[in-house]
């Protein structure tokens, strides 16, 4: 029997995002023999400034589906009042958010070309302060923790606390792969309830920890709480518009993606998926139904600029989710 979660704890970055569109392909502007000495300027034809960050994006999407308690454990800077108001309007708890009065809020800048390739620049800023947050103050037995992209020390502290305190968590280390050690990555993976990443990230993770997906899924998280009924951790590989693959000891699915008429901006689709999937879990839905909710929410996210500008109703989300095919593997 699957465990019932009543409270969601979301860790990750809170940031201001600047999203720019480049009307050509990046690859045409790089000299293959001069990659050691790059000096390239991309003139964009669209600029949007948004509130974002992984914690913000995931929490926004969670609230579109569930009314259960959502608590963000993160930090904002001296310019963060608008972000705090954003959460309060959506009835998302800000009790776990630290306000750093000296640093600016984290800021991300991304350029996307016509092939949806992206170049990111990110300033951590106040997110560094999140390392001071103690999970014990907020986590309960019925909590599900989301560990997503964050300042390195904050990311590792939440991972360590979750394992020590036996808190179930969804592990999203994709953006941490550039800095996390193999040892810490292996520890985080082997103790999680859900491992989530795109096909490239999952391939890199399994290569670095020297365990295949088939070797991972029988593992029961070493120090976690009650079983999800899968007999071990689950690996979820997101495939963009092609949907997702869910692999566990007892359940293996491929869920189709929802085909939108036009992809306006792919930024934030992954966070939307995570929000939809976790919202389904806390609403008591089966795994396959939660996967479908994740795919449906991701489809709404790519239809607009920005990561928190889509506002579909629950009815609209469920309609798209119900249209998706599920194939047993």
C-alpha atoms as a PDB file:
ATOM      1  CA  UNK A   1       0.000   0.000   0.000  1.00  0.00           C
ATOM      2  CA  UNK A   2       1.324   3.422  -0.921  1.00  0.00           C
ATOM      3  CA  UNK A   3       2.150   5.826   1.854  1.00  0.00           C
ATOM      4  CA  UNK A   4      -0.161   8.789   2.319  1.00  0.00           C
ATOM      5  CA  UNK A   5       1.509  12.196   2.430  1.00  0.00           C
ATOM      6  CA  UNK A   6      -0.241  15.242   3.881  1.00  0.00           C
ATOM      7  CA  UNK A   7       2.490  17.871   3.814  1.00  0.00           C
ATOM      8  CA  UNK A   8       4.946  18.871   1.096  1.00  0.00           C
ATOM      9  CA  UNK A   9       8.341  20.404   1.837  1.00  0.00           C
ATOM     10  CA  UNK A  10       9.976  22.062  -1.151  1.00  0.00           C
ATOM     11  CA  UNK A  11      13.665  22.922  -1.188  1.00  0.00           C
ATOM     12  CA  UNK A  12      15.546  24.575  -4.014  1.00  0.00           C
ATOM     13  CA  UNK A  13      16.290  28.017  -5.348  1.00  0.00           C
ATOM     14  CA  UNK A  14      14.065  31.076  -5.275  1.00  0.00           C
ATOM     15  CA  UNK A  15      15.102  33.527  -7.943  1.00  0.00           C
ATOM     16  CA  UNK A  16      14.368  36.215 -10.440  1.00  0.00           C
ATOM     17  CA  UNK A  17      14.585  34.833 -13.974  1.00  0.00           C
ATOM     18  CA  UNK A  18      15.386  36.683 -17.171  1.00  0.00           C
ATOM     19  CA  UNK A  19      14.326  34.679 -20.214  1.00  0.00           C
ATOM     20  CA  UNK A  20      15.630  35.627 -23.665  1.00  0.00           C
ATOM     21  CA  UNK A  21      14.910  34.158 -27.102  1.00  0.00           C
ATOM     22  CA  UNK A  22      17.590  33.845 -29.765  1.00  0.00           C
ATOM     23  CA  UNK A  23      15.969  33.520 -33.239  1.00  0.00           C
ATOM     24  CA  UNK A  24      18.677  31.257 -34.686  1.00  0.00           C
ATOM     25  CA  UNK A  25      20.714  28.184 -33.664  1.00  0.00           C
ATOM     26  CA  UNK A  26      23.635  28.519 -31.243  1.00  0.00           C
ATOM     27  CA  UNK A  27      25.655  25.934 -33.128  1.00  0.00           C
ATOM     28  CA  UNK A  28      25.951  28.216 -36.160  1.00  0.00           C
ATOM     29  CA  UNK A  29      27.800  30.839 -34.105  1.00  0.00           C
ATOM     30  CA  UNK A  30      30.523  28.737 -32.531  1.00  0.00           C
ATOM     31  CA  UNK A  31      33.828  28.160 -34.318  1.00  0.00           C
ATOM     32  CA  UNK A  32      34.735  24.491 -33.664  1.00  0.00           C
ATOM     33  CA  UNK A  33      38.451  25.248 -33.678  1.00  0.00           C
ATOM     34  CA  UNK A  34      38.170  28.187 -31.268  1.00  0.00           C
ATOM     35  CA  UNK A  35      36.121  26.699 -28.444  1.00  0.00           C
ATOM     36  CA  UNK A  36      39.037  27.303 -26.075  1.00  0.00           C
ATOM     37  CA  UNK A  37      38.695  31.050 -26.700  1.00  0.00           C
ATOM     38  CA  UNK A  38      34.987  31.857 -26.941  1.00  0.00           C
ATOM     39  CA  UNK A  39      33.774  35.415 -27.454  1.00  0.00           C
ATOM     40  CA  UNK A  40      30.195  35.308 -28.705  1.00  0.00           C
ATOM     41  CA  UNK A  41      27.367  37.822 -28.508  1.00  0.00           C
ATOM     42  CA  UNK A  42      23.774  36.702 -29.038  1.00  0.00           C
ATOM     43  CA  UNK A  43      21.275  39.422 -29.974  1.00  0.00           C
ATOM     44  CA  UNK A  44      17.861  38.304 -28.731  1.00  0.00           C
ATOM     45  CA  UNK A  45      14.433  39.339 -29.929  1.00  0.00           C
ATOM     46  CA  UNK A  46      12.446  38.795 -26.741  1.00  0.00           C
ATOM     47  CA  UNK A  47      13.038  39.400 -23.032  1.00  0.00           C
ATOM     48  CA  UNK A  48      10.816  38.409 -20.128  1.00  0.00           C
ATOM     49  CA  UNK A  49      11.533  39.037 -16.447  1.00  0.00           C
ATOM     50  CA  UNK A  50       9.855  36.611 -14.078  1.00  0.00           C
ATOM     51  CA  UNK A  51       9.813  35.229 -10.558  1.00  0.00           C
ATOM     52  CA  UNK A  52      11.301  31.740 -10.686  1.00  0.00           C
ATOM     53  CA  UNK A  53      13.734  29.270  -9.206  1.00  0.00           C
ATOM     54  CA  UNK A  54      13.164  25.552  -8.757  1.00  0.00           C
ATOM     55  CA  UNK A  55      11.403  25.870  -5.387  1.00  0.00           C
ATOM     56  CA  UNK A  56       9.140  28.645  -6.673  1.00  0.00           C
ATOM     57  CA  UNK A  57       8.253  26.814  -9.871  1.00  0.00           C
ATOM     58  CA  UNK A  58       7.512  23.516  -8.161  1.00  0.00           C
ATOM     59  CA  UNK A  59       5.412  25.153  -5.434  1.00  0.00           C
ATOM     60  CA  UNK A  60       3.397  27.126  -8.005  1.00  0.00           C
ATOM     61  CA  UNK A  61       2.523  23.937  -9.866  1.00  0.00           C
ATOM     62  CA  UNK A  62       1.741  22.039  -6.690  1.00  0.00           C
ATOM     63  CA  UNK A  63      -0.833  24.636  -5.742  1.00  0.00           C
ATOM     64  CA  UNK A  64      -2.559  24.319  -9.119  1.00  0.00           C
ATOM     65  CA  UNK A  65      -3.513  20.760  -8.180  1.00  0.00           C
ATOM     66  CA  UNK A  66      -3.577  20.380  -4.401  1.00  0.00           C
ATOM     67  CA  UNK A  67      -4.777  22.325  -1.373  1.00  0.00           C
ATOM     68  CA  UNK A  68      -2.518  20.358   0.980  1.00  0.00           C
ATOM     69  CA  UNK A  69       0.123  22.178   3.041  1.00  0.00           C
ATOM     70  CA  UNK A  70       3.089  23.414   1.018  1.00  0.00           C
ATOM     71  CA  UNK A  71       6.093  24.707   2.910  1.00  0.00           C
ATOM     72  CA  UNK A  72       9.102  26.186   1.110  1.00  0.00           C
ATOM     73  CA  UNK A  73      12.503  25.847   2.762  1.00  0.00           C
ATOM     74  CA  UNK A  74      14.700  28.368   0.977  1.00  0.00           C
ATOM     75  CA  UNK A  75      15.982  31.957   1.104  1.00  0.00           C
ATOM     76  CA  UNK A  76      15.327  35.313  -0.554  1.00  0.00           C
ATOM     77  CA  UNK A  77      17.410  38.477  -0.549  1.00  0.00           C
ATOM     78  CA  UNK A  78      16.842  42.087   0.396  1.00  0.00           C
ATOM     79  CA  UNK A  79      14.851  42.506  -2.830  1.00  0.00           C
ATOM     80  CA  UNK A  80      12.577  39.531  -2.084  1.00  0.00           C
ATOM     81  CA  UNK A  81       9.322  41.160  -0.886  1.00  0.00           C
ATOM     82  CA  UNK A  82       7.547  40.624  -4.199  1.00  0.00           C
ATOM     83  CA  UNK A  83       8.409  36.944  -4.066  1.00  0.00           C
ATOM     84  CA  UNK A  84       7.121  36.561  -0.505  1.00  0.00           C
ATOM     85  CA  UNK A  85       3.863  38.219  -1.548  1.00  0.00           C
ATOM     86  CA  UNK A  86       3.673  35.859  -4.522  1.00  0.00           C
ATOM     87  CA  UNK A  87       3.677  32.886  -2.146  1.00  0.00           C
ATOM     88  CA  UNK A  88       1.263  34.426   0.330  1.00  0.00           C
ATOM     89  CA  UNK A  89      -1.306  35.089  -2.406  1.00  0.00           C
ATOM     90  CA  UNK A  90      -1.167  31.395  -3.283  1.00  0.00           C
ATOM     91  CA  UNK A  91      -1.423  30.312   0.357  1.00  0.00           C
ATOM     92  CA  UNK A  92       2.028  28.756   0.275  1.00  0.00           C
ATOM     93  CA  UNK A  93       3.754  28.914   3.655  1.00  0.00           C
ATOM     94  CA  UNK A  94       6.720  31.262   3.921  1.00  0.00           C
ATOM     95  CA  UNK A  95       7.586  30.226   7.487  1.00  0.00           C
ATOM     96  CA  UNK A  96      10.585  28.264   6.223  1.00  0.00           C
ATOM     97  CA  UNK A  97      11.978  31.084   4.080  1.00  0.00           C
ATOM     98  CA  UNK A  98      14.937  33.095   5.375  1.00  0.00           C
ATOM     99  CA  UNK A  99      15.278  36.714   4.239  1.00  0.00           C
ATOM    100  CA  UNK A 100      18.905  37.726   3.784  1.00  0.00           C
ATOM    101  CA  UNK A 101      19.122  41.489   4.347  1.00  0.00           C
ATOM    102  CA  UNK A 102      22.581  41.854   2.756  1.00  0.00           C
ATOM    103  CA  UNK A 103      22.526  39.796  -0.441  1.00  0.00           C
ATOM    104  CA  UNK A 104      20.268  39.973  -3.466  1.00  0.00           C
ATOM    105  CA  UNK A 105      17.866  37.193  -4.349  1.00  0.00           C
ATOM    106  CA  UNK A 106      19.277  34.500  -6.635  1.00  0.00           C
ATOM    107  CA  UNK A 107      19.055  35.452 -10.298  1.00  0.00           C
ATOM    108  CA  UNK A 108      19.025  33.240 -13.383  1.00  0.00           C
ATOM    109  CA  UNK A 109      19.473  34.373 -16.974  1.00  0.00           C
ATOM    110  CA  UNK A 110      18.747  32.049 -19.896  1.00  0.00           C
ATOM    111  CA  UNK A 111      18.962  32.330 -23.676  1.00  0.00           C
ATOM    112  CA  UNK A 112      16.967  29.806 -25.719  1.00  0.00           C
ATOM    113  CA  UNK A 113      17.567  29.227 -29.440  1.00  0.00           C
ATOM    114  CA  UNK A 114      15.019  28.054 -32.041  1.00  0.00           C
ATOM    115  CA  UNK A 115      15.930  24.410 -31.342  1.00  0.00           C
ATOM    116  CA  UNK A 116      15.158  24.862 -27.631  1.00  0.00           C
ATOM    117  CA  UNK A 117      18.857  24.650 -26.715  1.00  0.00           C
ATOM    118  CA  UNK A 118      19.584  26.786 -23.662  1.00  0.00           C
ATOM    119  CA  UNK A 119      22.542  28.665 -22.169  1.00  0.00           C
ATOM    120  CA  UNK A 120      22.128  29.555 -18.498  1.00  0.00           C
ATOM    121  CA  UNK A 121      23.924  31.888 -16.134  1.00  0.00           C
ATOM    122  CA  UNK A 122      23.011  31.725 -12.447  1.00  0.00           C
ATOM    123  CA  UNK A 123      23.872  33.821  -9.373  1.00  0.00           C
ATOM    124  CA  UNK A 124      23.163  32.036  -6.077  1.00  0.00           C
ATOM    125  CA  UNK A 125      23.074  35.138  -3.886  1.00  0.00           C
ATOM    126  CA  UNK A 126      20.746  34.719  -0.919  1.00  0.00           C
ATOM    127  CA  UNK A 127      20.284  30.998  -1.650  1.00  0.00           C
ATOM    128  CA  UNK A 128      23.566  30.442   0.167  1.00  0.00           C
ATOM    129  CA  UNK A 129      21.726  31.344   3.373  1.00  0.00           C
ATOM    130  CA  UNK A 130      19.401  28.347   2.981  1.00  0.00           C
ATOM    131  CA  UNK A 131      22.150  26.118   4.383  1.00  0.00           C
ATOM    132  CA  UNK A 132      21.130  27.405   7.826  1.00  0.00           C
ATOM    133  CA  UNK A 133      17.626  25.908   7.636  1.00  0.00           C
ATOM    134  CA  UNK A 134      17.059  22.849   9.851  1.00  0.00           C
ATOM    135  CA  UNK A 135      14.728  20.259   8.348  1.00  0.00           C
ATOM    136  CA  UNK A 136      13.764  18.894  11.767  1.00  0.00           C
ATOM    137  CA  UNK A 137      11.759  22.043  12.508  1.00  0.00           C
ATOM    138  CA  UNK A 138       9.386  21.454   9.578  1.00  0.00           C
ATOM    139  CA  UNK A 139       9.334  17.732   8.724  1.00  0.00           C
ATOM    140  CA  UNK A 140       6.692  15.361  10.073  1.00  0.00           C
ATOM    141  CA  UNK A 141       6.058  11.656   9.522  1.00  0.00           C
ATOM    142  CA  UNK A 142       3.525  12.465   6.808  1.00  0.00           C
ATOM    143  CA  UNK A 143       5.869  14.849   4.946  1.00  0.00           C
ATOM    144  CA  UNK A 144       7.308  14.363   1.476  1.00  0.00           C
ATOM    145  CA  UNK A 145      10.443  16.399   0.812  1.00  0.00           C
ATOM    146  CA  UNK A 146      11.530  17.596  -2.623  1.00  0.00           C
ATOM    147  CA  UNK A 147      15.288  18.119  -2.959  1.00  0.00           C
ATOM    148  CA  UNK A 148      15.933  20.159  -6.097  1.00  0.00           C
ATOM    149  CA  UNK A 149      18.624  22.451  -7.541  1.00  0.00           C
ATOM    150  CA  UNK A 150      20.073  24.708  -4.881  1.00  0.00           C
ATOM    151  CA  UNK A 151      23.250  26.201  -3.464  1.00  0.00           C
ATOM    152  CA  UNK A 152      25.614  23.259  -2.884  1.00  0.00           C
ATOM    153  CA  UNK A 153      25.797  23.389   0.925  1.00  0.00           C
ATOM    154  CA  UNK A 154      22.040  23.829   1.245  1.00  0.00           C
ATOM    155  CA  UNK A 155      21.412  20.925  -1.142  1.00  0.00           C
ATOM    156  CA  UNK A 156      23.719  18.598   0.793  1.00  0.00           C
ATOM    157  CA  UNK A 157      22.409  19.706   4.194  1.00  0.00           C
ATOM    158  CA  UNK A 158      18.825  18.888   3.209  1.00  0.00           C
ATOM    159  CA  UNK A 159      19.987  15.540   1.851  1.00  0.00           C
ATOM    160  CA  UNK A 160      21.879  14.724   5.052  1.00  0.00           C
ATOM    161  CA  UNK A 161      19.009  15.814   7.317  1.00  0.00           C
ATOM    162  CA  UNK A 162      16.427  13.856   5.323  1.00  0.00           C
ATOM    163  CA  UNK A 163      18.418  10.637   5.591  1.00  0.00           C
ATOM    164  CA  UNK A 164      19.208  11.059   9.292  1.00  0.00           C
ATOM    165  CA  UNK A 165      15.615  11.984  10.155  1.00  0.00           C
ATOM    166  CA  UNK A 166      14.072   9.287   7.943  1.00  0.00           C
ATOM    167  CA  UNK A 167      12.121  11.765   5.827  1.00  0.00           C
ATOM    168  CA  UNK A 168      10.898  10.452   2.479  1.00  0.00           C
ATOM    169  CA  UNK A 169      12.213  12.532  -0.401  1.00  0.00           C
ATOM    170  CA  UNK A 170      12.088  12.989  -4.158  1.00  0.00           C
ATOM    171  CA  UNK A 171      15.654  13.453  -5.363  1.00  0.00           C
ATOM    172  CA  UNK A 172      16.351  15.763  -8.305  1.00  0.00           C
ATOM    173  CA  UNK A 173      20.165  16.039  -8.588  1.00  0.00           C
ATOM    174  CA  UNK A 174      20.398  16.809 -12.317  1.00  0.00           C
ATOM    175  CA  UNK A 175      21.589  20.400 -11.979  1.00  0.00           C
ATOM    176  CA  UNK A 176      23.960  19.375  -9.170  1.00  0.00           C
ATOM    177  CA  UNK A 177      25.926  16.952 -11.347  1.00  0.00           C
ATOM    178  CA  UNK A 178      28.544  19.583 -12.179  1.00  0.00           C
ATOM    179  CA  UNK A 179      29.654  19.875  -8.562  1.00  0.00           C
ATOM    180  CA  UNK A 180      28.371  16.996  -6.408  1.00  0.00           C
ATOM    181  CA  UNK A 181      30.860  14.256  -5.522  1.00  0.00           C
ATOM    182  CA  UNK A 182      30.245  10.656  -6.576  1.00  0.00           C
ATOM    183  CA  UNK A 183      30.021   9.659  -2.918  1.00  0.00           C
ATOM    184  CA  UNK A 184      27.352  12.245  -2.028  1.00  0.00           C
ATOM    185  CA  UNK A 185      25.435  11.498  -5.223  1.00  0.00           C
ATOM    186  CA  UNK A 186      25.399   7.773  -4.467  1.00  0.00           C
ATOM    187  CA  UNK A 187      24.217   8.413  -0.920  1.00  0.00           C
ATOM    188  CA  UNK A 188      21.439  10.719  -2.107  1.00  0.00           C
ATOM    189  CA  UNK A 189      20.246   8.279  -4.760  1.00  0.00           C
ATOM    190  CA  UNK A 190      20.302   5.142  -2.623  1.00  0.00           C
ATOM    191  CA  UNK A 191      18.233   6.726   0.153  1.00  0.00           C
ATOM    192  CA  UNK A 192      15.549   8.473  -1.902  1.00  0.00           C
ATOM    193  CA  UNK A 193      11.985   7.364  -2.634  1.00  0.00           C
ATOM    194  CA  UNK A 194      11.965   8.804  -6.146  1.00  0.00           C
ATOM    195  CA  UNK A 195      14.919   9.629  -8.384  1.00  0.00           C
ATOM    196  CA  UNK A 196      13.933  12.080 -11.142  1.00  0.00           C
ATOM    197  CA  UNK A 197      15.910  13.315 -14.137  1.00  0.00           C
ATOM    198  CA  UNK A 198      15.851  13.572 -17.893  1.00  0.00           C
ATOM    199  CA  UNK A 199      17.361  10.765 -19.970  1.00  0.00           C
ATOM    200  CA  UNK A 200      20.798  12.424 -20.098  1.00  0.00           C
ATOM    201  CA  UNK A 201      20.837  13.061 -16.335  1.00  0.00           C
ATOM    202  CA  UNK A 202      19.749   9.533 -15.426  1.00  0.00           C
ATOM    203  CA  UNK A 203      22.441   8.139 -17.723  1.00  0.00           C
ATOM    204  CA  UNK A 204      25.091  10.327 -16.063  1.00  0.00           C
ATOM    205  CA  UNK A 205      23.886   9.426 -12.567  1.00  0.00           C
ATOM    206  CA  UNK A 206      23.974   5.676 -13.185  1.00  0.00           C
ATOM    207  CA  UNK A 207      27.398   5.971 -14.806  1.00  0.00           C
ATOM    208  CA  UNK A 208      28.846   7.907 -11.875  1.00  0.00           C
ATOM    209  CA  UNK A 209      27.446   5.719  -9.104  1.00  0.00           C
ATOM    210  CA  UNK A 210      28.228   2.566 -11.101  1.00  0.00           C
ATOM    211  CA  UNK A 211      24.739   1.100 -10.786  1.00  0.00           C
ATOM    212  CA  UNK A 212      22.203   0.592 -13.548  1.00  0.00           C
ATOM    213  CA  UNK A 213      18.541   1.487 -13.152  1.00  0.00           C
ATOM    214  CA  UNK A 214      17.740  -2.224 -12.798  1.00  0.00           C
ATOM    215  CA  UNK A 215      20.261  -2.468  -9.972  1.00  0.00           C
ATOM    216  CA  UNK A 216      18.844   0.603  -8.239  1.00  0.00           C
ATOM    217  CA  UNK A 217      15.141  -0.129  -8.205  1.00  0.00           C
ATOM    218  CA  UNK A 218      15.234  -3.179  -5.905  1.00  0.00           C
ATOM    219  CA  UNK A 219      16.954  -1.081  -3.258  1.00  0.00           C
ATOM    220  CA  UNK A 220      14.854  -0.159  -0.277  1.00  0.00           C
ATOM    221  CA  UNK A 221      15.984   3.289   0.920  1.00  0.00           C
ATOM    222  CA  UNK A 222      18.367   2.565   3.770  1.00  0.00           C
ATOM    223  CA  UNK A 223      16.995   4.891   6.415  1.00  0.00           C
ATOM    224  CA  UNK A 224      13.655   6.092   5.071  1.00  0.00           C
ATOM    225  CA  UNK A 225      10.215   5.704   6.551  1.00  0.00           C
ATOM    226  CA  UNK A 226       7.281   3.546   5.444  1.00  0.00           C
ATOM    227  CA  UNK A 227       7.433   1.824   2.079  1.00  0.00           C
ATOM    228  CA  UNK A 228       5.641   3.214  -0.954  1.00  0.00           C
ATOM    229  CA  UNK A 229       4.669  -0.324  -1.797  1.00  0.00           C
ATOM    230  CA  UNK A 230       7.214  -0.579  -4.604  1.00  0.00           C
ATOM    231  CA  UNK A 231       9.732  -2.580  -2.602  1.00  0.00           C
ATOM    232  CA  UNK A 232      12.444  -0.001  -3.171  1.00  0.00           C
ATOM    233  CA  UNK A 233      13.137   3.328  -4.822  1.00  0.00           C
ATOM    234  CA  UNK A 234      11.595   4.360  -8.137  1.00  0.00           C
ATOM    235  CA  UNK A 235      13.454   5.904 -11.078  1.00  0.00           C
ATOM    236  CA  UNK A 236      11.582   8.388 -13.243  1.00  0.00           C
ATOM    237  CA  UNK A 237      13.071   9.446 -16.565  1.00  0.00           C
ATOM    238  CA  UNK A 238      11.480  12.496 -18.166  1.00  0.00           C
ATOM    239  CA  UNK A 239      11.522  12.615 -21.961  1.00  0.00           C
ATOM    240  CA  UNK A 240      10.061  16.036 -22.740  1.00  0.00           C
ATOM    241  CA  UNK A 241       7.175  15.894 -25.202  1.00  0.00           C
ATOM    242  CA  UNK A 242       7.633  12.099 -25.396  1.00  0.00           C
ATOM    243  CA  UNK A 243       6.441  11.715 -21.804  1.00  0.00           C
ATOM    244  CA  UNK A 244       8.064   9.814 -18.937  1.00  0.00           C
ATOM    245  CA  UNK A 245       9.247   6.351 -18.018  1.00  0.00           C
ATOM    246  CA  UNK A 246       8.598   5.105 -14.468  1.00  0.00           C
ATOM    247  CA  UNK A 247      10.593   2.110 -13.247  1.00  0.00           C
ATOM    248  CA  UNK A 248      10.244   0.383  -9.898  1.00  0.00           C
ATOM    249  CA  UNK A 249      10.366  -3.159  -8.565  1.00  0.00           C
ATOM    250  CA  UNK A 250       6.622  -3.740  -9.015  1.00  0.00           C
ATOM    251  CA  UNK A 251       5.417  -1.064 -11.441  1.00  0.00           C
ATOM    252  CA  UNK A 252       6.875  -0.035 -14.789  1.00  0.00           C
ATOM    253  CA  UNK A 253       5.110   2.438 -17.059  1.00  0.00           C
ATOM    254  CA  UNK A 254       5.645   4.667 -20.017  1.00  0.00           C
ATOM    255  CA  UNK A 255       3.236   7.618 -19.998  1.00  0.00           C
ATOM    256  CA  UNK A 256       2.794   9.608 -23.184  1.00  0.00           C
ATOM    257  CA  UNK A 257       3.365  13.356 -23.248  1.00  0.00           C
ATOM    258  CA  UNK A 258       0.607  15.782 -24.193  1.00  0.00           C
ATOM    259  CA  UNK A 259       1.132  17.249 -27.671  1.00  0.00           C
ATOM    260  CA  UNK A 260       0.695  21.031 -27.585  1.00  0.00           C
ATOM    261  CA  UNK A 261       0.048  23.070 -30.704  1.00  0.00           C
ATOM    262  CA  UNK A 262       3.042  25.332 -30.113  1.00  0.00           C
ATOM    263  CA  UNK A 263       5.938  25.301 -27.649  1.00  0.00           C
ATOM    264  CA  UNK A 264       6.449  28.934 -26.666  1.00  0.00           C
ATOM    265  CA  UNK A 265       9.066  28.472 -23.921  1.00  0.00           C
ATOM    266  CA  UNK A 266      10.395  25.149 -22.542  1.00  0.00           C
ATOM    267  CA  UNK A 267      11.839  26.788 -19.424  1.00  0.00           C
ATOM    268  CA  UNK A 268      10.271  25.366 -16.271  1.00  0.00           C
ATOM    269  CA  UNK A 269       8.601  22.350 -17.873  1.00  0.00           C
ATOM    270  CA  UNK A 270      10.581  19.971 -15.668  1.00  0.00           C
ATOM    271  CA  UNK A 271       9.608  21.823 -12.495  1.00  0.00           C
ATOM    272  CA  UNK A 272       5.975  21.816 -13.627  1.00  0.00           C
ATOM    273  CA  UNK A 273       6.184  18.061 -14.099  1.00  0.00           C
ATOM    274  CA  UNK A 274       7.589  17.574 -10.595  1.00  0.00           C
ATOM    275  CA  UNK A 275       4.839  19.715  -9.091  1.00  0.00           C
ATOM    276  CA  UNK A 276       2.105  17.800 -10.881  1.00  0.00           C
ATOM    277  CA  UNK A 277       3.512  14.390  -9.985  1.00  0.00           C
ATOM    278  CA  UNK A 278       3.983  15.157  -6.281  1.00  0.00           C
ATOM    279  CA  UNK A 279       0.567  16.857  -6.104  1.00  0.00           C
ATOM    280  CA  UNK A 280      -0.973  13.664  -7.416  1.00  0.00           C
ATOM    281  CA  UNK A 281       0.771  11.636  -4.713  1.00  0.00           C
ATOM    282  CA  UNK A 282      -0.429  13.858  -1.863  1.00  0.00           C
ATOM    283  CA  UNK A 283      -3.949  13.818  -3.319  1.00  0.00           C
ATOM    284  CA  UNK A 284      -3.898  10.053  -2.913  1.00  0.00           C
ATOM    285  CA  UNK A 285      -3.764   9.195  -6.600  1.00  0.00           C
ATOM    286  CA  UNK A 286      -2.114   6.073  -7.960  1.00  0.00           C
ATOM    287  CA  UNK A 287       1.364   6.302  -9.445  1.00  0.00           C
ATOM    288  CA  UNK A 288       0.207   6.200 -13.054  1.00  0.00           C
ATOM    289  CA  UNK A 289      -2.376   8.936 -12.446  1.00  0.00           C
ATOM    290  CA  UNK A 290       0.258  11.110 -10.748  1.00  0.00           C
ATOM    291  CA  UNK A 291       2.596  10.622 -13.702  1.00  0.00           C
ATOM    292  CA  UNK A 292      -0.172  11.754 -16.048  1.00  0.00           C
ATOM    293  CA  UNK A 293      -0.769  14.866 -13.938  1.00  0.00           C
ATOM    294  CA  UNK A 294       2.921  15.715 -14.202  1.00  0.00           C
ATOM    295  CA  UNK A 295       2.853  15.395 -17.992  1.00  0.00           C
ATOM    296  CA  UNK A 296      -0.306  17.479 -18.244  1.00  0.00           C
ATOM    297  CA  UNK A 297       1.088  20.327 -16.138  1.00  0.00           C
ATOM    298  CA  UNK A 298       4.332  20.349 -18.112  1.00  0.00           C
ATOM    299  CA  UNK A 299       2.311  20.847 -21.292  1.00  0.00           C
ATOM    300  CA  UNK A 300       0.682  23.977 -19.892  1.00  0.00           C
ATOM    301  CA  UNK A 301       4.050  25.353 -18.773  1.00  0.00           C
ATOM    302  CA  UNK A 302       5.577  25.280 -22.262  1.00  0.00           C
ATOM    303  CA  UNK A 303       2.676  27.177 -23.814  1.00  0.00           C
ATOM    304  CA  UNK A 304       3.574  30.487 -22.139  1.00  0.00           C
ATOM    305  CA  UNK A 305       6.672  32.538 -21.378  1.00  0.00           C
ATOM    306  CA  UNK A 306       8.038  32.191 -17.887  1.00  0.00           C
ATOM    307  CA  UNK A 307       7.799  29.435 -15.323  1.00  0.00           C
ATOM    308  CA  UNK A 308       4.848  30.617 -13.212  1.00  0.00           C
ATOM    309  CA  UNK A 309       2.576  32.293 -15.759  1.00  0.00           C
ATOM    310  CA  UNK A 310       0.365  29.309 -16.560  1.00  0.00           C
ATOM    311  CA  UNK A 311      -2.854  29.096 -14.525  1.00  0.00           C
ATOM    312  CA  UNK A 312      -4.949  26.192 -15.792  1.00  0.00           C
ATOM    313  CA  UNK A 313      -7.896  25.061 -13.706  1.00  0.00           C
ATOM    314  CA  UNK A 314      -7.936  21.626 -12.084  1.00  0.00           C
ATOM    315  CA  UNK A 315     -10.565  20.619 -14.620  1.00  0.00           C
ATOM    316  CA  UNK A 316      -8.317  21.635 -17.520  1.00  0.00           C
ATOM    317  CA  UNK A 317      -5.334  19.797 -16.038  1.00  0.00           C
ATOM    318  CA  UNK A 318      -7.329  16.626 -15.419  1.00  0.00           C
ATOM    319  CA  UNK A 319      -8.783  16.733 -18.928  1.00  0.00           C
ATOM    320  CA  UNK A 320      -5.324  16.682 -20.487  1.00  0.00           C
ATOM    321  CA  UNK A 321      -4.145  14.042 -18.019  1.00  0.00           C
ATOM    322  CA  UNK A 322      -7.082  11.773 -18.852  1.00  0.00           C
ATOM    323  CA  UNK A 323      -6.208  11.958 -22.562  1.00  0.00           C
ATOM    324  CA  UNK A 324      -2.740  10.467 -22.011  1.00  0.00           C
ATOM    325  CA  UNK A 325      -1.978   6.847 -22.769  1.00  0.00           C
ATOM    326  CA  UNK A 326      -0.181   4.625 -20.283  1.00  0.00           C
ATOM    327  CA  UNK A 327       1.803   1.634 -21.491  1.00  0.00           C
ATOM    328  CA  UNK A 328       3.048  -1.068 -19.136  1.00  0.00           C
ATOM    329  CA  UNK A 329       6.685  -2.033 -19.663  1.00  0.00           C
END
